[in-house]
Protein backbone atom coordinates (compact mmCIF):
# COMPACT_ATOMS: atom_id res chain seq x y z
CA UNK A 1 19.96 17.70 4.17
CA UNK A 2 21.13 17.99 0.58
CA UNK A 3 24.57 19.35 -0.27
CA UNK A 4 25.21 20.52 -3.78
CA UNK A 5 26.26 23.16 -6.24
CA UNK A 6 24.51 26.51 -6.42
CA UNK A 7 24.98 29.08 -9.19
CA UNK A 8 27.73 30.98 -7.32
CA UNK A 9 28.88 28.60 -4.55
CA UNK A 10 28.27 25.29 -2.76
CA UNK A 11 25.57 25.07 -0.10
CA UNK A 12 22.99 22.99 1.68
CA UNK A 13 19.21 22.73 1.49
CA UNK A 14 16.68 21.05 3.74
CA UNK A 15 12.96 20.37 3.64
CA UNK A 16 10.45 19.01 1.20
CA UNK A 17 11.40 21.45 -1.56
CA UNK A 18 14.81 19.87 -1.95
CA UNK A 19 13.84 16.28 -1.09
CA UNK A 20 10.85 16.16 -3.44
CA UNK A 21 12.93 17.23 -6.43
CA UNK A 22 15.66 14.71 -5.62
CA UNK A 23 13.20 11.83 -5.24
CA UNK A 24 11.41 12.87 -8.45
CA UNK A 25 14.73 12.72 -10.28
CA UNK A 26 15.45 9.29 -8.78
CA UNK A 27 12.04 8.06 -9.97
CA UNK A 28 12.68 9.40 -13.47
CA UNK A 29 16.05 7.62 -13.61
CA UNK A 30 14.48 4.35 -12.45
CA UNK A 31 11.69 4.56 -15.04
CA UNK A 32 14.16 5.46 -17.79
CA UNK A 33 16.39 2.51 -16.88
CA UNK A 34 13.46 0.12 -16.68
CA UNK A 35 11.11 1.17 -19.47
CA UNK A 36 12.98 3.40 -21.92
CA UNK A 37 16.13 1.25 -21.83
CA UNK A 38 14.04 -1.95 -21.88
CA UNK A 39 15.65 -3.47 -18.76
CA UNK A 40 12.40 -3.94 -16.82
CA UNK A 41 9.46 -3.04 -19.06
CA UNK A 42 6.88 -3.99 -16.41
CA UNK A 43 8.22 -1.30 -14.06
CA UNK A 44 5.51 1.19 -13.09
CA UNK A 45 4.97 3.99 -10.59
CA UNK A 46 3.47 1.64 -7.99
CA UNK A 47 6.55 -0.61 -8.10
CA UNK A 48 8.90 2.39 -8.00
CA UNK A 49 7.12 3.73 -4.90
CA UNK A 50 7.27 0.38 -3.11
CA UNK A 51 10.99 -0.02 -3.92
CA UNK A 52 11.78 3.47 -2.66
CA UNK A 53 9.97 2.77 0.63
CA UNK A 54 11.43 -0.72 1.04
CA UNK A 55 15.02 0.37 0.42
CA UNK A 56 15.11 3.48 2.65
CA UNK A 57 17.79 3.79 5.31
CA UNK A 58 16.16 3.91 8.73
CA UNK A 59 17.39 4.71 12.22
CA UNK A 60 16.95 1.73 14.56
CA UNK A 61 15.00 3.46 17.36
CA UNK A 62 12.65 5.55 15.22
CA UNK A 63 9.12 4.53 14.25
CA UNK A 64 8.40 4.91 10.52
CA UNK A 65 6.66 6.49 8.74
CA UNK A 66 6.90 9.65 10.80
CA UNK A 67 6.34 13.36 10.33
CA UNK A 68 10.01 14.34 10.16
CA UNK A 69 11.60 11.50 8.13
CA UNK A 70 8.66 9.93 6.32
CA UNK A 71 9.76 6.38 5.48
CA UNK A 72 13.49 7.08 5.98
CA UNK A 73 16.40 8.36 3.89
CA UNK A 74 16.52 7.68 0.17
CA UNK A 75 19.01 4.96 -0.78
CA UNK A 76 18.93 4.87 -4.57
CA UNK A 77 21.93 2.51 -4.75
CA UNK A 78 19.97 -0.06 -2.73
CA UNK A 79 16.96 0.38 -5.01
CA UNK A 80 19.07 -0.16 -8.11
CA UNK A 81 20.74 -3.25 -6.59
CA UNK A 82 17.30 -4.72 -5.95
CA UNK A 83 16.35 -4.19 -9.60
CA UNK A 84 19.42 -5.92 -11.06
């Protein structure tokens, strides 16, 4: 579930519509940091994908990937720590 600002109030969103846009933004930030800012010029989409999957938060008794959670919950802070 994503909580955030809407044009007239705060609210929540669920599903792939909200999660896909958030993950796309995270990928863009990672590629900007790595390539555009020249911190990790070898960074590519394959490496970004593997980092996102590796650094997901996962529940201990759930098998991943699965239909509801995919590979787990996005943890961009963990991804960025692994890049530094």
